[in-house]
C-alpha cells in the first residue's frame, strides 16, 4: 500500500514540474534561446519537482513487491 502512496506522490510532483516546464516554454516566442531557457529553469524551484518525481516513481516501481 505504501508503494502506491509513494508512486502517486511522485506522479503528482512530476505533473507539477512538467506543467511548469511546458509553461515556461511560452518564453520561446519572446526570443529566448534553448541555452537561456535551460539557465532560467535551473533557477526556478518548481522545475526541480519534475526530476524528483521521476526518481520517486522509479524507486516505488523498483521496490514494488511482485507476488
Protein backbone atom coordinates (compact mmCIF):
# COMPACT_ATOMS: atom_id res chain seq x y z
CA UNK A 1 0.00 0.00 0.00
CA UNK A 2 2.86 2.40 0.77
CA UNK A 3 4.28 1.76 -2.68
CA UNK A 4 1.13 3.12 -4.30
CA UNK A 5 1.24 6.15 -1.98
CA UNK A 6 4.80 6.99 -2.99
CA UNK A 7 4.01 6.33 -6.66
CA UNK A 8 1.13 8.83 -6.52
CA UNK A 9 3.27 11.39 -4.68
CA UNK A 10 5.94 11.03 -7.38
CA UNK A 11 3.29 11.26 -10.10
CA UNK A 12 1.92 14.47 -8.63
CA UNK A 13 5.36 16.04 -8.36
CA UNK A 14 6.17 15.02 -11.93
CA UNK A 15 2.95 16.56 -13.23
CA UNK A 16 3.53 19.80 -11.30
CA UNK A 17 7.11 20.11 -12.54
CA UNK A 18 6.24 19.12 -16.11
CA UNK A 19 3.46 21.68 -16.33
CA UNK A 20 5.90 24.34 -15.14
CA UNK A 21 8.47 23.30 -17.73
CA UNK A 22 5.89 23.42 -20.52
CA UNK A 23 4.51 26.72 -19.27
CA UNK A 24 7.93 28.34 -19.31
CA UNK A 25 8.32 27.26 -22.96
CA UNK A 26 6.00 30.16 -23.76
CA UNK A 27 9.08 32.37 -23.45
CA UNK A 28 10.46 30.99 -26.73
CA UNK A 29 8.31 33.28 -28.93
CA UNK A 30 9.74 36.22 -26.98
CA UNK A 31 13.21 35.38 -28.28
CA UNK A 32 14.54 33.06 -25.58
CA UNK A 33 17.11 30.52 -26.81
CA UNK A 34 17.46 26.94 -25.57
CA UNK A 35 20.53 27.92 -23.58
CA UNK A 36 18.72 30.80 -21.90
CA UNK A 37 15.72 28.54 -21.27
CA UNK A 38 17.84 25.90 -19.53
CA UNK A 39 19.61 28.55 -17.46
CA UNK A 40 16.25 30.08 -16.50
CA UNK A 41 14.57 26.83 -15.43
CA UNK A 42 17.63 25.86 -13.40
CA UNK A 43 16.88 28.84 -11.14
CA UNK A 44 13.17 28.03 -10.68
CA UNK A 45 12.45 25.73 -7.69
CA UNK A 46 9.20 24.36 -9.12
CA UNK A 47 11.09 22.92 -12.09
CA UNK A 48 13.05 20.66 -9.75
CA UNK A 49 9.81 18.82 -8.94
CA UNK A 50 9.93 17.02 -12.31
CA UNK A 51 13.19 15.06 -11.78
CA UNK A 52 12.39 14.48 -8.10
CA UNK A 53 9.04 12.98 -9.07
CA UNK A 54 10.65 10.75 -11.71
CA UNK A 55 13.11 9.42 -9.12
CA UNK A 56 10.32 8.71 -6.59
CA UNK A 57 8.28 6.89 -9.26
CA UNK A 58 11.31 4.82 -10.31
CA UNK A 59 12.10 3.86 -6.71
CA UNK A 60 8.50 2.92 -5.94
CA UNK A 61 8.28 0.75 -9.07
CA UNK A 62 11.63 -0.90 -8.37
CA UNK A 63 10.72 -1.83 -4.79
CA UNK A 64 7.11 -2.82 -5.56
CA UNK A 65 6.61 -6.37 -4.26
CA UNK A 66 5.97 -8.84 -7.06
CA UNK A 67 3.90 -11.72 -5.80
